[in-house]
Amino acid sequence: ISTMFYSYKRIGPISTGHRQYKADSHCRWVHGYGRYVELKFACDERDEKGWVYDFGNLKWFKKWLEQQWDHKVLVAHDDPALLRLKELEKEDIVKLNVMPEEYGPGIEDSCRYVFDYANPHIISQTNGRVWIERVRIWEHENNYAEYVWVK
């Protein structure tokens, strides 16, 4: 019999825009949401305080997340409008975050992007005692996506 402990941290809202240029719907236009990010922490053994993870140790993550998303428009690296969007950025009209090749700007890839950044830090910070099992991101109260890691 194996025992698992979980704790959850929700961060947000973070005002973020994105453009899904491949969509046939209105999602191809630049639009934004107040995104919420939820991290699900997992461990086999709690710490000496009885906690899975001390949320006070997430300042580095919150700072990174704000740098990535706060009042920025996420766009794909191959967006056909990228040059025009970069011109708008030069004119101080928009602030872009051009996503790396392996990630898109939507919430599905945003979940994986957050996981790929944060999980190694959490594992290192806790000497492997804690890991992130799931990242869930809400666009708004009715839509969310999640990325789940099966250890």
C-alpha atoms as a PDB file:
ATOM      1  CA  ILE A   1       0.000   0.000   0.000  1.00  0.00           C
ATOM      2  CA  SER A   2       1.366   3.368  -1.014  1.00  0.00           C
ATOM      3  CA  THR A   3       0.266   6.673   0.515  1.00  0.00           C
ATOM      4  CA  MET A   4       0.284  10.003  -1.270  1.00  0.00           C
ATOM      5  CA  PHE A   5      -0.213  13.497   0.060  1.00  0.00           C
ATOM      6  CA  TYR A   6      -1.328  16.442  -2.068  1.00  0.00           C
ATOM      7  CA  SER A   7      -1.600  20.178  -1.656  1.00  0.00           C
ATOM      8  CA  TYR A   8      -2.792  22.791  -4.124  1.00  0.00           C
ATOM      9  CA  LYS A   9      -1.830  26.383  -4.799  1.00  0.00           C
ATOM     10  CA  ARG A  10      -3.845  28.698  -7.031  1.00  0.00           C
ATOM     11  CA  ILE A  11      -2.254  31.886  -8.343  1.00  0.00           C
ATOM     12  CA  GLY A  12      -4.044  34.648 -10.181  1.00  0.00           C
ATOM     13  CA  PRO A  13      -5.741  36.179 -11.855  1.00  0.00           C
ATOM     14  CA  ILE A  14      -2.972  37.220 -14.216  1.00  0.00           C
ATOM     15  CA  SER A  15      -4.112  39.401 -17.124  1.00  0.00           C
ATOM     16  CA  THR A  16      -2.835  37.619 -20.207  1.00  0.00           C
ATOM     17  CA  GLY A  17      -3.638  37.802 -23.898  1.00  0.00           C
ATOM     18  CA  HIS A  18      -2.978  35.339 -26.653  1.00  0.00           C
ATOM     19  CA  ARG A  19      -3.700  34.646 -30.294  1.00  0.00           C
ATOM     20  CA  GLN A  20      -4.493  31.231 -31.769  1.00  0.00           C
ATOM     21  CA  TYR A  21      -3.777  32.009 -35.416  1.00  0.00           C
ATOM     22  CA  LYS A  22      -4.628  28.468 -36.571  1.00  0.00           C
ATOM     23  CA  ALA A  23      -8.204  28.683 -35.241  1.00  0.00           C
ATOM     24  CA  ASP A  24     -11.110  29.066 -37.668  1.00  0.00           C
ATOM     25  CA  SER A  25     -13.106  30.847 -34.964  1.00  0.00           C
ATOM     26  CA  HIS A  26     -12.870  34.174 -33.159  1.00  0.00           C
ATOM     27  CA  CYS A  27      -9.961  32.665 -31.169  1.00  0.00           C
ATOM     28  CA  ARG A  28      -7.675  33.651 -34.061  1.00  0.00           C
ATOM     29  CA  TRP A  29      -7.966  37.272 -32.916  1.00  0.00           C
ATOM     30  CA  VAL A  30      -5.898  38.693 -30.078  1.00  0.00           C
ATOM     31  CA  HIS A  31      -7.942  38.308 -26.915  1.00  0.00           C
ATOM     32  CA  GLY A  32      -7.276  37.971 -23.223  1.00  0.00           C
ATOM     33  CA  TYR A  33      -8.316  36.500 -19.932  1.00  0.00           C
ATOM     34  CA  GLY A  34      -7.610  36.714 -16.249  1.00  0.00           C
ATOM     35  CA  ARG A  35      -5.774  33.396 -16.066  1.00  0.00           C
ATOM     36  CA  TYR A  36      -5.537  31.357 -12.893  1.00  0.00           C
ATOM     37  CA  VAL A  37      -2.806  28.767 -12.436  1.00  0.00           C
ATOM     38  CA  GLU A  38      -3.208  25.865 -10.044  1.00  0.00           C
ATOM     39  CA  LEU A  39      -0.293  23.662  -9.073  1.00  0.00           C
ATOM     40  CA  LYS A  40      -0.923  20.256  -7.526  1.00  0.00           C
ATOM     41  CA  PHE A  41       2.009  19.252  -5.323  1.00  0.00           C
ATOM     42  CA  ALA A  42       2.547  15.593  -4.431  1.00  0.00           C
ATOM     43  CA  CYS A  43       4.768  13.674  -2.031  1.00  0.00           C
ATOM     44  CA  ASP A  44       5.022  10.372  -0.254  1.00  0.00           C
ATOM     45  CA  GLU A  45       6.242  11.908   3.022  1.00  0.00           C
ATOM     46  CA  ARG A  46       5.323  15.301   4.491  1.00  0.00           C
ATOM     47  CA  ASP A  47       7.949  17.614   5.978  1.00  0.00           C
ATOM     48  CA  GLU A  48       8.626  18.153   9.684  1.00  0.00           C
ATOM     49  CA  LYS A  49       5.730  20.680   9.818  1.00  0.00           C
ATOM     50  CA  GLY A  50       3.350  18.112   8.353  1.00  0.00           C
ATOM     51  CA  TRP A  51       3.176  19.960   5.026  1.00  0.00           C
ATOM     52  CA  VAL A  52       3.482  18.729   1.486  1.00  0.00           C
ATOM     53  CA  TYR A  53       5.078  22.003   0.353  1.00  0.00           C
ATOM     54  CA  ASP A  54       5.626  25.384   1.999  1.00  0.00           C
ATOM     55  CA  PHE A  55       3.813  27.848  -0.320  1.00  0.00           C
ATOM     56  CA  GLY A  56       5.975  30.655   1.072  1.00  0.00           C
ATOM     57  CA  ASN A  57       8.763  29.188  -1.068  1.00  0.00           C
ATOM     58  CA  LEU A  58       6.964  30.075  -4.334  1.00  0.00           C
ATOM     59  CA  LYS A  59       8.101  33.698  -4.667  1.00  0.00           C
ATOM     60  CA  TRP A  60      10.473  32.732  -7.502  1.00  0.00           C
ATOM     61  CA  PHE A  61       7.599  31.059  -9.374  1.00  0.00           C
ATOM     62  CA  LYS A  62       5.178  33.961  -8.982  1.00  0.00           C
ATOM     63  CA  LYS A  63       7.851  36.364 -10.231  1.00  0.00           C
ATOM     64  CA  TRP A  64       8.600  34.156 -13.257  1.00  0.00           C
ATOM     65  CA  LEU A  65       4.902  33.784 -14.050  1.00  0.00           C
ATOM     66  CA  GLU A  66       4.353  37.544 -13.953  1.00  0.00           C
ATOM     67  CA  GLN A  67       7.384  38.070 -16.198  1.00  0.00           C
ATOM     68  CA  GLN A  68       5.972  35.555 -18.673  1.00  0.00           C
ATOM     69  CA  TRP A  69       2.319  36.573 -18.729  1.00  0.00           C
ATOM     70  CA  ASP A  70       1.318  39.723 -16.889  1.00  0.00           C
ATOM     71  CA  HIS A  71      -0.187  42.134 -19.446  1.00  0.00           C
ATOM     72  CA  LYS A  72       1.532  40.271 -22.276  1.00  0.00           C
ATOM     73  CA  VAL A  73       0.225  38.700 -25.451  1.00  0.00           C
ATOM     74  CA  LEU A  74       1.418  35.159 -26.033  1.00  0.00           C
ATOM     75  CA  VAL A  75       1.960  34.278 -29.686  1.00  0.00           C
ATOM     76  CA  ALA A  76       3.305  31.254 -31.514  1.00  0.00           C
ATOM     77  CA  HIS A  77       6.857  31.401 -32.828  1.00  0.00           C
ATOM     78  CA  ASP A  78       5.502  30.803 -36.359  1.00  0.00           C
ATOM     79  CA  ASP A  79       2.520  33.175 -36.239  1.00  0.00           C
ATOM     80  CA  PRO A  80       2.220  34.743 -39.713  1.00  0.00           C
ATOM     81  CA  ALA A  81       1.478  38.123 -38.093  1.00  0.00           C
ATOM     82  CA  LEU A  82       4.580  37.998 -35.883  1.00  0.00           C
ATOM     83  CA  LEU A  83       6.495  40.714 -37.730  1.00  0.00           C
ATOM     84  CA  ARG A  84       3.530  43.095 -37.544  1.00  0.00           C
ATOM     85  CA  LEU A  85       3.011  42.280 -33.869  1.00  0.00           C
ATOM     86  CA  LYS A  86       6.689  42.986 -33.202  1.00  0.00           C
ATOM     87  CA  GLU A  87       6.255  46.373 -34.896  1.00  0.00           C
ATOM     88  CA  LEU A  88       3.398  47.115 -32.519  1.00  0.00           C
ATOM     89  CA  GLU A  89       5.653  46.132 -29.650  1.00  0.00           C
ATOM     90  CA  LYS A  90       8.326  48.553 -30.874  1.00  0.00           C
ATOM     91  CA  GLU A  91       5.659  51.268 -30.828  1.00  0.00           C
ATOM     92  CA  ASP A  92       4.864  50.362 -27.192  1.00  0.00           C
ATOM     93  CA  ILE A  93       1.326  49.246 -28.070  1.00  0.00           C
ATOM     94  CA  VAL A  94       1.657  45.611 -27.018  1.00  0.00           C
ATOM     95  CA  LYS A  95       4.102  43.507 -25.018  1.00  0.00           C
ATOM     96  CA  LEU A  96       4.742  40.093 -26.566  1.00  0.00           C
ATOM     97  CA  ASN A  97       5.883  36.748 -25.299  1.00  0.00           C
ATOM     98  CA  VAL A  98       6.825  34.711 -28.361  1.00  0.00           C
ATOM     99  CA  MET A  99       6.526  31.138 -27.218  1.00  0.00           C
ATOM    100  CA  PRO A 100       9.380  28.695 -27.857  1.00  0.00           C
ATOM    101  CA  GLU A 101       8.915  26.316 -30.787  1.00  0.00           C
ATOM    102  CA  GLU A 102       7.662  23.412 -28.702  1.00  0.00           C
ATOM    103  CA  TYR A 103       4.854  25.441 -27.058  1.00  0.00           C
ATOM    104  CA  GLY A 104       1.831  27.272 -28.359  1.00  0.00           C
ATOM    105  CA  PRO A 105       0.117  30.276 -26.753  1.00  0.00           C
ATOM    106  CA  GLY A 106      -3.098  28.553 -25.592  1.00  0.00           C
ATOM    107  CA  ILE A 107      -3.842  27.186 -22.149  1.00  0.00           C
ATOM    108  CA  GLU A 108      -3.094  23.552 -23.043  1.00  0.00           C
ATOM    109  CA  ASP A 109       0.504  24.305 -23.972  1.00  0.00           C
ATOM    110  CA  SER A 110       0.704  26.901 -21.209  1.00  0.00           C
ATOM    111  CA  CYS A 111       0.088  24.087 -18.718  1.00  0.00           C
ATOM    112  CA  ARG A 112       3.000  22.102 -20.104  1.00  0.00           C
ATOM    113  CA  TYR A 113       5.175  25.253 -20.294  1.00  0.00           C
ATOM    114  CA  VAL A 114       4.560  25.987 -16.607  1.00  0.00           C
ATOM    115  CA  PHE A 115       5.143  22.365 -15.633  1.00  0.00           C
ATOM    116  CA  ASP A 116       8.384  22.076 -17.611  1.00  0.00           C
ATOM    117  CA  TYR A 117       9.725  25.192 -15.884  1.00  0.00           C
ATOM    118  CA  ALA A 118       8.465  24.681 -12.333  1.00  0.00           C
ATOM    119  CA  ASN A 119       8.681  20.943 -11.673  1.00  0.00           C
ATOM    120  CA  PRO A 120      12.496  20.646 -11.868  1.00  0.00           C
ATOM    121  CA  HIS A 121      12.771  23.594  -9.468  1.00  0.00           C
ATOM    122  CA  ILE A 122      10.358  22.013  -6.976  1.00  0.00           C
ATOM    123  CA  ILE A 123      12.127  18.650  -7.137  1.00  0.00           C
ATOM    124  CA  SER A 124      15.507  20.318  -6.626  1.00  0.00           C
ATOM    125  CA  GLN A 125      14.241  22.628  -3.872  1.00  0.00           C
ATOM    126  CA  THR A 126      12.867  19.665  -1.891  1.00  0.00           C
ATOM    127  CA  ASN A 127      15.637  17.156  -2.690  1.00  0.00           C
ATOM    128  CA  GLY A 128      13.137  15.031  -4.600  1.00  0.00           C
ATOM    129  CA  ARG A 129      10.600  14.804  -1.778  1.00  0.00           C
ATOM    130  CA  VAL A 130       7.961  16.859  -3.653  1.00  0.00           C
ATOM    131  CA  TRP A 131       6.984  17.115  -7.297  1.00  0.00           C
ATOM    132  CA  ILE A 132       4.247  18.772  -9.299  1.00  0.00           C
ATOM    133  CA  GLU A 133       1.722  16.225 -10.415  1.00  0.00           C
ATOM    134  CA  ARG A 134      -0.626  18.565 -12.275  1.00  0.00           C
ATOM    135  CA  VAL A 135      -0.813  22.075 -13.649  1.00  0.00           C
ATOM    136  CA  ARG A 136      -4.285  23.418 -14.301  1.00  0.00           C
ATOM    137  CA  ILE A 137      -4.901  26.772 -15.982  1.00  0.00           C
ATOM    138  CA  TRP A 138      -8.219  28.569 -16.245  1.00  0.00           C
ATOM    139  CA  GLU A 139      -8.956  31.059 -19.029  1.00  0.00           C
ATOM    140  CA  HIS A 140     -12.077  31.999 -17.105  1.00  0.00           C
ATOM    141  CA  GLU A 141     -14.517  30.342 -14.722  1.00  0.00           C
ATOM    142  CA  ASN A 142     -15.866  27.937 -17.374  1.00  0.00           C
ATOM    143  CA  ASN A 143     -12.718  26.814 -19.244  1.00  0.00           C
ATOM    144  CA  TYR A 144      -9.554  25.187 -18.052  1.00  0.00           C
ATOM    145  CA  ALA A 145      -6.900  22.808 -19.322  1.00  0.00           C
ATOM    146  CA  GLU A 146      -4.499  20.641 -17.416  1.00  0.00           C
ATOM    147  CA  TYR A 147      -1.223  18.821 -17.822  1.00  0.00           C
ATOM    148  CA  VAL A 148      -0.732  15.753 -15.663  1.00  0.00           C
ATOM    149  CA  TRP A 149       2.574  14.072 -14.949  1.00  0.00           C
ATOM    150  CA  VAL A 150       2.424  10.402 -14.036  1.00  0.00           C
ATOM    151  CA  LYS A 151       5.570   9.728 -12.052  1.00  0.00           C
END
